[in-house]
Amino acid sequence: MKYLIFTLTIIIGISIKGQQKTYVPDDTFEALLESYGMGDGIANNDSVTTASISTVDSLIIFNDFISDLTGIEDFTSLQYLDCHNNFLSTLDFSNNTSLKKLLCSDNLIDTIDLSNCMALEYLDLDTNFIENVDLSNCVNLQTLYLNYNFIENIDLRSCTKLEYLYLDDNFIDSLDIIQNIALKTFWCFNNYLESIDLSNNSLLEVIYLDSNFLSCLNLKNDNNTNITRVFAQGNSNLTCIEVDDSSYSNTNWINNSNFYFDSNHFFSENCNYSSDCFNSLNGVIVNKSSILTVFPNPTNNIVNIKLDNYAGEINLKIYDFTGKFISSTNSRSLNIEDYPRGIYLLKVSYSDVIKRINVVKY
């Protein structure tokens, strides 16, 4: 009998000890999982039982002061995650292949891996510190929120099912959404767009492009009657807006509270835009790891640009602190001696790369 009891004790002990654990270093995240019945029953041991989380399909952990989501990789059945309003900076969802809806706004995110999230349909990354995000494998994405980030360039060509796109308050100055033919709502106000071609987006209903630097805007998509709202004010360099039928636009879009344009804007079926209006700056292919140096900074006269491993075409544009365009040059130096003291935004464009640097004039 003693031998039998001893044998059972060993078997039970091995079974418990042999349970696979998932490393969860964030104490708050671990405590929440324990409270949800997903833990291993041991508080503050930086781990939970993998079997308890691998079948979970929905997880809500917002407003919880979490700074590290390590352990999320073993939520292999997860379809819905709400982790907004935490202190997260780096997120890796490469193992969460079932994710369909992801809400991560109001964090400190600057790095996110969505490389295997092919099932993702809804993504909210508003109000973070994101400069770049790879969505090339998010082929089922329908809704994207990236407002209030630091995005300069974004490739959406793979997101052909995208219907709702929100990119307000970033640093975007060129955007290709020709492939996004399912798009219905497009918000991109308070950016640096100089041109946008929406001629292939025939399902568009709502368009917000106010407070950019537009000089070319093509709305001629053969379905202008489907458009219910356009905000394009705050684009002083824009005059002609290309549309399906100027008479229709004048009749239905002017003096309508759902449509806002600057006083110098007018509609035409053919604005005779220049051939390069919707093309990026041409140049040789560049190694995007090229090191850009701006010197001296601060300066009281000349600003110089140095680009390692790149000898192609370059363009400099400088703006004051309000975003007003001042001047441009294709040279690698710019004289700001006559400018008032202050902080200026210098935009450096080369090949398909755009960099922005604050320059101090003293």
Protein backbone atom coordinates (compact mmCIF):
# COMPACT_ATOMS: atom_id res chain seq x y z
CA MET A 1 0.00 0.00 0.00
CA LYS A 2 2.82 2.41 0.89
CA TYR A 3 4.50 1.57 -2.41
CA LEU A 4 1.25 2.29 -4.33
CA ILE A 5 0.74 5.65 -2.61
CA PHE A 6 4.36 6.62 -3.27
CA THR A 7 4.01 5.67 -6.95
CA LEU A 8 0.83 7.72 -7.36
CA THR A 9 2.49 10.70 -5.69
CA ILE A 10 5.38 10.55 -8.14
CA ILE A 11 3.00 10.27 -11.15
CA ILE A 12 0.87 13.23 -10.01
CA GLY A 13 3.97 15.29 -9.27
CA ILE A 14 5.44 14.62 -12.71
CA SER A 15 2.10 15.49 -14.37
CA ILE A 16 1.87 18.85 -12.61
CA LYS A 17 5.53 19.63 -13.07
CA GLY A 18 5.36 18.66 -16.73
CA GLN A 19 2.69 21.19 -17.66
CA GLN A 20 4.01 23.57 -20.31
CA LYS A 21 4.37 27.14 -19.07
CA THR A 22 4.35 30.44 -20.93
CA TYR A 23 6.70 33.20 -19.81
CA VAL A 24 4.80 36.37 -18.80
CA PRO A 25 7.29 38.86 -17.30
CA ASP A 26 4.84 41.75 -16.85
CA ASP A 27 3.39 41.36 -13.35
CA THR A 28 0.17 43.19 -14.22
CA PHE A 29 -0.42 41.08 -17.33
CA GLU A 30 0.25 37.89 -15.37
CA ALA A 31 -2.07 38.95 -12.52
CA LEU A 32 -4.86 39.68 -14.99
CA LEU A 33 -4.49 36.30 -16.63
CA GLU A 34 -4.57 34.66 -13.20
CA SER A 35 -7.75 36.57 -12.33
CA TYR A 36 -9.32 35.41 -15.60
CA GLY A 37 -8.58 31.79 -14.73
CA MET A 38 -5.85 31.54 -17.35
CA GLY A 39 -2.90 31.30 -14.99
CA ASP A 40 -1.12 28.47 -13.20
CA GLY A 41 -2.46 29.36 -9.77
CA ILE A 42 0.85 30.80 -8.60
CA ALA A 43 1.01 34.57 -8.24
CA ASN A 44 4.04 36.59 -9.37
CA ASN A 45 6.02 33.68 -10.84
CA ASP A 46 6.19 35.24 -14.33
CA SER A 47 4.35 32.36 -15.96
CA VAL A 48 0.96 30.93 -16.81
CA THR A 49 -0.09 27.51 -18.03
CA THR A 50 0.11 27.40 -21.82
CA ALA A 51 -2.89 25.09 -22.11
CA SER A 52 -5.00 27.68 -20.29
CA ILE A 53 -4.37 30.38 -22.90
CA SER A 54 -3.86 28.51 -26.16
CA THR A 55 -7.62 28.09 -26.74
CA VAL A 56 -8.66 31.64 -25.74
CA ASP A 57 -10.21 33.48 -28.70
CA SER A 58 -10.97 36.85 -27.05
CA LEU A 59 -8.90 38.95 -24.62
CA ILE A 60 -9.73 42.39 -23.20
CA ILE A 61 -6.92 44.07 -21.23
CA PHE A 62 -7.28 47.84 -21.69
CA ASN A 63 -6.51 50.59 -19.13
CA ASP A 64 -4.37 48.17 -17.12
CA PHE A 65 -0.87 49.78 -17.10
CA ILE A 66 0.67 46.84 -18.96
CA SER A 67 4.09 47.58 -20.47
CA ASP A 68 5.09 44.15 -21.84
CA LEU A 69 2.82 41.73 -23.70
CA THR A 70 5.31 38.89 -23.84
CA GLY A 71 3.32 35.68 -23.61
CA ILE A 72 0.74 36.77 -26.15
CA GLU A 73 2.50 34.51 -28.67
CA ASP A 74 0.98 31.43 -27.03
CA PHE A 75 -2.58 32.74 -27.47
CA THR A 76 -2.61 30.82 -30.73
CA SER A 77 -6.42 30.81 -31.08
CA LEU A 78 -6.82 34.53 -30.37
CA GLN A 79 -9.19 36.32 -32.74
CA TYR A 80 -10.02 39.49 -30.78
CA LEU A 81 -7.60 41.54 -28.67
CA ASP A 82 -8.27 44.90 -27.02
CA CYS A 83 -5.14 46.24 -25.34
CA HIS A 84 -5.67 49.97 -25.81
CA ASN A 85 -4.53 52.59 -23.29
CA ASN A 86 -1.59 50.77 -21.75
CA PHE A 87 2.18 51.42 -21.83
CA LEU A 88 3.08 48.99 -24.61
CA SER A 89 5.96 49.90 -26.92
CA THR A 90 6.85 46.71 -28.81
CA LEU A 91 4.31 44.15 -30.01
CA ASP A 92 4.91 40.85 -31.80
CA PHE A 93 1.82 39.14 -33.17
CA SER A 94 3.69 36.96 -35.66
CA ASN A 95 2.44 33.82 -33.90
CA ASN A 96 -1.19 34.99 -33.62
CA THR A 97 -2.30 33.85 -37.04
CA SER A 98 -6.02 33.77 -36.14
CA LEU A 99 -6.26 37.45 -35.17
CA LYS A 100 -9.19 39.22 -36.84
CA LYS A 101 -9.65 42.34 -34.71
CA LEU A 102 -6.85 44.19 -32.93
CA LEU A 103 -7.31 47.36 -30.86
CA CYS A 104 -4.02 48.85 -29.62
CA SER A 105 -4.59 52.60 -29.63
CA ASP A 106 -3.23 55.01 -27.00
CA ASN A 107 -0.03 53.19 -26.18
CA LEU A 108 3.66 53.91 -26.77
CA ILE A 109 4.03 51.54 -29.71
CA ASP A 110 6.92 52.15 -32.10
CA THR A 111 7.41 48.56 -33.29
CA ILE A 112 4.76 46.02 -34.28
CA ASP A 113 5.03 42.71 -36.12
CA LEU A 114 1.94 41.69 -38.10
CA SER A 115 3.82 39.57 -40.61
CA ASN A 116 1.64 36.48 -40.23
CA CYS A 117 -1.69 38.18 -39.50
CA MET A 118 -3.36 37.25 -42.77
CA ALA A 119 -6.77 36.88 -41.10
CA LEU A 120 -6.69 40.42 -39.68
CA GLU A 121 -9.73 42.47 -40.69
CA TYR A 122 -9.75 45.40 -38.23
CA LEU A 123 -6.67 47.23 -36.91
CA ASP A 124 -6.66 50.26 -34.60
CA LEU A 125 -3.23 51.74 -33.85
CA ASP A 126 -4.31 55.35 -33.24
CA THR A 127 -2.17 57.60 -31.04
CA ASN A 128 1.16 55.80 -30.86
CA PHE A 129 4.74 56.43 -32.00
CA ILE A 130 4.70 54.34 -35.16
CA GLU A 131 6.90 55.43 -38.06
CA ASN A 132 6.63 52.29 -40.17
CA VAL A 133 4.28 49.32 -40.24
CA ASP A 134 4.42 46.37 -42.61
CA LEU A 135 0.93 45.38 -43.76
CA SER A 136 2.00 43.43 -46.82
CA ASN A 137 0.52 40.16 -45.51
CA CYS A 138 -2.66 41.69 -44.09
CA VAL A 139 -4.58 40.80 -47.22
CA ASN A 140 -7.99 40.67 -45.52
CA LEU A 141 -7.73 44.02 -43.76
CA GLN A 142 -10.93 46.06 -44.10
CA THR A 143 -10.54 48.82 -41.49
CA LEU A 144 -7.31 50.62 -40.57
CA TYR A 145 -6.83 53.35 -37.95
CA LEU A 146 -3.36 54.93 -37.87
CA ASN A 147 -4.25 58.47 -36.80
CA TYR A 148 -1.82 60.49 -34.67
CA ASN A 149 1.39 58.62 -35.37
CA PHE A 150 4.66 59.42 -37.14
CA ILE A 151 4.00 57.64 -40.42
CA GLU A 152 5.94 59.01 -43.39
CA ASN A 153 5.31 56.25 -45.93
CA ILE A 154 2.90 53.34 -45.94
CA ASP A 155 2.41 50.59 -48.51
CA LEU A 156 -1.24 49.53 -48.78
CA ARG A 157 -1.07 47.78 -52.14
CA SER A 158 -1.69 44.33 -50.61
CA CYS A 159 -4.74 45.54 -48.68
CA THR A 160 -7.14 45.27 -51.59
CA LYS A 161 -10.16 44.66 -49.31
CA LEU A 162 -9.61 47.89 -47.37
CA GLU A 163 -12.85 49.88 -46.98
CA TYR A 164 -12.14 52.34 -44.16
CA LEU A 165 -8.79 54.13 -43.97
CA TYR A 166 -7.84 56.70 -41.31
CA LEU A 167 -4.38 58.34 -41.50
CA ASP A 168 -4.93 61.77 -39.92
CA ASP A 169 -2.10 63.72 -38.29
CA ASN A 170 0.96 61.95 -39.64
CA PHE A 171 3.84 63.01 -41.90
CA ILE A 172 2.63 61.47 -45.15
CA ASP A 173 3.43 63.40 -48.32
CA SER A 174 2.70 60.74 -50.93
CA LEU A 175 0.23 57.88 -50.94
CA ASP A 176 -0.72 55.26 -53.50
CA ILE A 177 -4.22 53.83 -53.00
CA ILE A 178 -4.89 52.94 -56.63
CA GLN A 179 -5.10 49.24 -55.69
CA ASN A 180 -7.59 49.86 -52.87
CA ILE A 181 -10.68 49.75 -55.04
CA ALA A 182 -12.99 48.72 -52.17
CA LEU A 183 -12.28 51.96 -50.28
CA LYS A 184 -15.38 53.79 -49.05
CA THR A 185 -14.03 56.17 -46.37
CA PHE A 186 -10.68 57.94 -46.58
CA TRP A 187 -9.38 60.28 -43.87
CA CYS A 188 -5.94 61.81 -44.34
CA PHE A 189 -6.13 65.37 -43.04
CA ASN A 190 -3.25 67.27 -41.47
CA ASN A 191 -0.47 65.56 -43.40
CA TYR A 192 2.00 66.66 -46.07
CA LEU A 193 0.26 65.31 -49.16
CA GLU A 194 1.16 67.22 -52.30
CA SER A 195 -1.05 65.19 -54.62
CA ILE A 196 -3.54 62.33 -54.44
CA ASP A 197 -5.16 60.33 -57.22
CA LEU A 198 -8.56 58.84 -56.31
CA SER A 199 -9.66 58.11 -59.87
CA ASN A 200 -9.60 54.35 -59.31
CA ASN A 201 -11.59 54.45 -56.07
CA SER A 202 -15.11 54.41 -57.46
CA LEU A 203 -16.78 53.33 -54.19
CA LEU A 204 -15.59 56.35 -52.21
CA GLU A 205 -18.22 58.12 -50.14
CA VAL A 206 -16.28 60.17 -47.56
CA ILE A 207 -13.00 62.06 -48.19
CA TYR A 208 -11.09 64.18 -45.66
CA LEU A 209 -7.98 65.85 -47.08
CA ASP A 210 -8.00 69.20 -45.29
CA SER A 211 -4.77 70.82 -44.10
CA ASN A 212 -2.32 69.23 -46.50
CA PHE A 213 -0.07 70.71 -49.21
CA LEU A 214 -2.11 69.57 -52.19
CA SER A 215 -1.52 71.01 -55.63
CA CYS A 216 -3.15 68.11 -57.52
CA LEU A 217 -6.38 66.35 -56.53
CA ASN A 218 -8.08 63.89 -58.86
CA LEU A 219 -11.62 62.93 -57.79
CA LYS A 220 -12.63 61.83 -61.28
CA ASN A 221 -13.67 58.27 -60.45
CA ASP A 222 -16.77 57.89 -62.68
CA ASN A 223 -18.98 57.80 -59.61
CA ASN A 224 -18.96 61.29 -58.08
CA THR A 225 -22.65 60.97 -57.30
CA ASN A 226 -21.69 58.37 -54.70
CA ILE A 227 -19.55 60.89 -52.76
CA THR A 228 -21.40 62.32 -49.75
CA ARG A 229 -18.63 64.32 -48.08
CA VAL A 230 -15.39 66.05 -49.09
CA PHE A 231 -13.25 68.22 -46.84
CA ALA A 232 -10.39 69.79 -48.83
CA GLN A 233 -9.93 73.20 -47.23
CA GLY A 234 -6.51 74.32 -46.04
CA ASN A 235 -4.79 73.47 -49.33
CA SER A 236 -3.78 76.88 -50.61
CA ASN A 237 -1.56 75.50 -53.40
CA LEU A 238 -4.53 73.69 -54.92
CA THR A 239 -6.69 75.42 -57.50
CA CYS A 240 -8.20 72.95 -59.97
CA ILE A 241 -9.90 69.79 -58.69
CA GLU A 242 -10.56 67.16 -61.33
CA VAL A 243 -14.09 65.72 -61.22
CA ASP A 244 -16.55 63.74 -63.35
CA ASP A 245 -18.82 66.66 -64.10
CA SER A 246 -17.99 70.21 -63.00
CA SER A 247 -21.63 71.29 -63.29
CA TYR A 248 -22.72 68.53 -60.94
CA SER A 249 -19.99 69.38 -58.43
CA ASN A 250 -20.78 73.09 -58.53
CA THR A 251 -24.47 72.38 -58.01
CA ASN A 252 -24.21 69.74 -55.31
CA TRP A 253 -20.91 70.41 -53.51
CA ILE A 254 -20.86 74.18 -53.18
CA ASN A 255 -22.79 75.76 -50.28
CA ASN A 256 -23.26 72.30 -48.82
CA SER A 257 -22.22 71.72 -45.19
CA ASN A 258 -20.85 68.30 -46.10
CA PHE A 259 -18.37 69.76 -48.61
CA TYR A 260 -15.62 72.25 -47.76
CA PHE A 261 -13.20 73.82 -50.23
CA ASP A 262 -10.95 76.89 -50.28
CA SER A 263 -12.15 79.98 -52.10
CA ASN A 264 -9.52 79.52 -54.84
CA HIS A 265 -10.62 75.95 -55.64
CA PHE A 266 -12.63 75.19 -58.75
CA PHE A 267 -13.80 72.05 -60.55
CA SER A 268 -12.93 70.81 -64.02
CA GLU A 269 -13.19 67.61 -66.03
CA ASN A 270 -9.58 68.18 -67.11
CA CYS A 271 -7.18 70.12 -64.91
CA ASN A 272 -4.20 69.55 -67.24
CA TYR A 273 -2.00 68.49 -64.37
CA SER A 274 1.67 68.11 -65.19
CA SER A 275 2.81 64.61 -66.15
CA ASP A 276 4.73 64.14 -62.89
CA CYS A 277 1.95 65.43 -60.64
CA PHE A 278 1.12 62.00 -59.24
CA ASN A 279 4.59 60.52 -59.56
CA SER A 280 7.19 60.31 -56.82
CA LEU A 281 10.56 61.97 -57.21
CA ASN A 282 12.55 60.00 -59.77
CA GLY A 283 16.03 58.85 -58.94
CA VAL A 284 18.34 55.89 -58.71
CA ILE A 285 17.53 53.04 -56.38
CA VAL A 286 18.90 53.83 -52.97
CA ASN A 287 19.90 51.77 -50.01
CA LYS A 288 17.34 52.89 -47.42
CA SER A 289 19.97 52.44 -44.73
CA SER A 290 21.86 55.41 -46.17
CA ILE A 291 22.88 57.76 -43.41
CA LEU A 292 21.45 61.28 -43.71
CA THR A 293 23.35 64.06 -41.97
CA VAL A 294 22.18 67.68 -41.67
CA PHE A 295 24.85 70.13 -40.55
CA PRO A 296 25.43 72.52 -38.96
CA ASN A 297 22.29 72.41 -36.86
CA PRO A 298 21.61 74.87 -35.23
CA THR A 299 22.83 77.29 -37.88
CA ASN A 300 22.66 80.98 -38.72
CA ASN A 301 23.12 80.67 -42.49
CA ILE A 302 23.87 77.52 -44.52
CA VAL A 303 22.33 74.08 -43.95
CA ASN A 304 24.19 71.21 -45.64
CA ILE A 305 22.94 67.74 -46.51
CA LYS A 306 25.18 64.67 -46.61
CA LEU A 307 23.89 61.30 -47.81
CA ASP A 308 26.23 58.33 -47.58
CA ASN A 309 26.08 55.82 -50.44
CA TYR A 310 23.77 57.96 -52.56
CA ALA A 311 24.68 60.25 -55.45
CA GLY A 312 21.33 60.63 -57.19
CA GLU A 313 18.73 63.35 -57.39
CA ILE A 314 17.73 65.14 -54.21
CA ASN A 315 15.13 67.75 -53.29
CA LEU A 316 14.97 69.98 -50.22
CA LYS A 317 11.85 71.79 -49.08
CA ILE A 318 11.66 74.00 -46.02
CA TYR A 319 8.57 75.02 -44.04
CA ASP A 320 8.06 77.33 -41.09
CA PHE A 321 6.70 76.10 -37.76
CA THR A 322 3.09 76.63 -38.94
CA GLY A 323 3.65 74.32 -41.91
CA LYS A 324 3.79 77.12 -44.49
CA PHE A 325 6.01 76.28 -47.46
CA ILE A 326 8.93 78.71 -47.85
CA SER A 327 11.31 77.45 -50.54
CA SER A 328 12.85 74.44 -52.24
CA THR A 329 16.06 73.48 -54.01
CA ASN A 330 17.65 70.50 -55.73
CA SER A 331 20.99 71.41 -54.20
CA ARG A 332 22.51 69.73 -51.15
CA SER A 333 22.69 73.00 -49.29
CA LEU A 334 20.18 75.67 -48.37
CA ASN A 335 20.80 79.25 -47.26
CA ILE A 336 18.47 80.38 -44.46
CA GLU A 337 20.51 83.41 -43.43
CA ASP A 338 17.62 85.81 -44.10
CA TYR A 339 15.06 83.70 -42.19
CA PRO A 340 13.86 84.82 -38.76
CA ARG A 341 15.10 82.90 -35.74
CA GLY A 342 13.10 79.81 -34.96
CA ILE A 343 12.52 76.15 -35.76
CA TYR A 344 11.97 75.07 -39.37
CA LEU A 345 10.93 71.76 -40.91
CA LEU A 346 13.32 70.56 -43.61
CA LYS A 347 11.97 67.83 -45.89
CA VAL A 348 14.64 65.86 -47.74
CA SER A 349 13.43 63.69 -50.65
CA TYR A 350 15.65 61.24 -52.50
CA SER A 351 14.58 58.28 -54.64
CA ASP A 352 11.44 56.96 -52.84
CA VAL A 353 12.67 58.06 -49.42
CA ILE A 354 11.46 61.12 -47.51
CA LYS A 355 13.05 62.38 -44.31
CA ARG A 356 12.03 65.30 -42.11
CA ILE A 357 14.40 67.15 -39.84
CA ASN A 358 13.85 70.09 -37.52
CA VAL A 359 16.40 72.81 -38.23
CA VAL A 360 17.10 75.56 -35.68
CA LYS A 361 17.98 79.03 -36.98
CA TYR A 362 19.64 81.25 -34.34
